[in-house]
Amino acid sequence: MLHIVKKLEQLTWLPRYLQGDDTLLLVEQAVYACKASSPYYRYLPSDCAIYALQEDLAARGWLEVCADQVQIINTAAFVKMTVSIGKSIGW
């Protein structure tokens, strides 16, 4: 399942719903969790794939500070991801 997270606050309780084969995509405000020194970074799971939307990172000036654990993708890759994974949920 693809979990699309828009708000930082959702990250505090989201991990209890994630399974090992799930994918997490951070968009909008949630991209602020991508920096290792962010207080929300600790909520990012270590057992699933984590992506952040390039356009949202760039708009906030965070492209260069994104942690290695987080893979950066553009909108076209995001669309392909939603098609290939099939099931998604927005938080």
Protein backbone atom coordinates (compact mmCIF):
# COMPACT_ATOMS: atom_id res chain seq x y z
CA MET A 1 0.00 0.00 0.00
CA LEU A 2 1.15 3.54 -0.75
CA HIS A 3 0.75 5.94 2.17
CA ILE A 4 0.74 9.57 1.02
CA VAL A 5 1.42 11.88 3.97
CA LYS A 6 0.73 15.60 3.68
CA LYS A 7 0.96 16.83 7.29
CA LEU A 8 3.77 16.36 9.79
CA GLU A 9 1.36 15.55 12.62
CA GLN A 10 0.20 12.43 10.79
CA LEU A 11 3.69 10.94 11.10
CA THR A 12 3.38 10.59 14.88
CA TRP A 13 0.81 7.81 14.67
CA LEU A 14 1.22 6.50 11.13
CA PRO A 15 3.95 3.90 11.94
CA ARG A 16 1.50 1.69 13.80
CA TYR A 17 -0.44 1.26 10.54
CA LEU A 18 2.51 0.57 8.25
CA GLN A 19 3.57 -2.89 7.18
CA GLY A 20 7.00 -3.89 5.91
CA ASP A 21 6.00 -3.97 2.24
CA ASP A 22 4.26 -0.56 2.34
CA THR A 23 5.62 2.57 0.70
CA LEU A 24 5.60 6.02 2.29
CA LEU A 25 5.48 9.19 0.20
CA LEU A 26 5.97 12.57 1.87
CA VAL A 27 4.36 15.56 0.14
CA GLU A 28 3.44 19.14 0.99
CA GLN A 29 4.24 19.99 4.64
CA ALA A 30 5.36 16.44 5.46
CA VAL A 31 8.60 16.88 3.48
CA TYR A 32 9.94 18.79 6.49
CA ALA A 33 10.47 15.38 8.12
CA CYS A 34 13.14 14.52 5.53
CA LYS A 35 15.97 16.28 7.34
CA ALA A 36 17.70 14.14 9.98
CA SER A 37 17.63 17.00 12.50
CA SER A 38 13.87 17.48 12.13
CA PRO A 39 11.90 16.46 15.24
CA TYR A 40 9.61 14.44 12.96
CA TYR A 41 12.42 12.48 11.29
CA ARG A 42 12.37 9.96 14.14
CA TYR A 43 8.85 8.93 13.12
CA LEU A 44 9.96 7.77 9.68
CA PRO A 45 9.92 3.98 9.62
CA SER A 46 13.10 2.06 8.92
CA ASP A 47 11.37 -1.00 7.45
CA CYS A 48 9.61 0.46 4.41
CA ALA A 49 10.54 2.52 1.37
CA ILE A 50 10.34 6.29 1.93
CA TYR A 51 10.02 8.84 -0.86
CA ALA A 52 9.60 12.61 -0.96
CA LEU A 53 8.21 14.69 -3.78
CA GLN A 54 10.97 16.70 -5.44
CA GLU A 55 8.75 19.66 -6.26
CA ASP A 56 7.65 20.07 -2.63
CA LEU A 57 11.23 19.80 -1.37
CA ALA A 58 12.40 22.37 -3.92
CA ALA A 59 9.60 24.78 -3.05
CA ARG A 60 10.78 24.73 0.57
CA GLY A 61 14.50 24.81 -0.16
CA TRP A 62 15.04 21.32 1.29
CA LEU A 63 16.40 19.40 -1.71
CA GLU A 64 19.96 19.54 -0.39
CA VAL A 65 19.16 18.54 3.19
CA CYS A 66 17.12 15.40 2.54
CA ALA A 67 18.41 12.36 4.48
CA ASP A 68 19.88 9.42 2.55
CA GLN A 69 17.05 7.17 3.77
CA VAL A 70 14.56 9.25 1.74
CA GLN A 71 14.46 8.83 -2.02
CA ILE A 72 13.49 11.91 -4.03
CA ILE A 73 11.02 11.47 -6.88
CA ASN A 74 9.33 13.87 -9.28
CA THR A 75 5.64 14.11 -10.10
CA ALA A 76 5.88 11.78 -13.10
CA ALA A 77 7.45 9.07 -10.91
CA PHE A 78 4.74 9.69 -8.29
CA VAL A 79 2.05 9.01 -10.90
CA LYS A 80 3.80 5.80 -12.02
CA MET A 81 4.11 4.74 -8.38
CA THR A 82 0.38 5.13 -7.72
CA VAL A 83 -0.42 3.07 -10.80
CA SER A 84 2.08 0.31 -10.04
CA ILE A 85 1.21 -0.02 -6.34
CA GLY A 86 -2.52 0.12 -6.96
CA LYS A 87 -3.77 0.83 -3.44
CA SER A 88 -3.08 4.15 -1.74
CA ILE A 89 -4.29 6.15 1.22
CA GLY A 90 -3.81 9.81 2.03
CA TRP A 91 -2.99 11.03 5.52
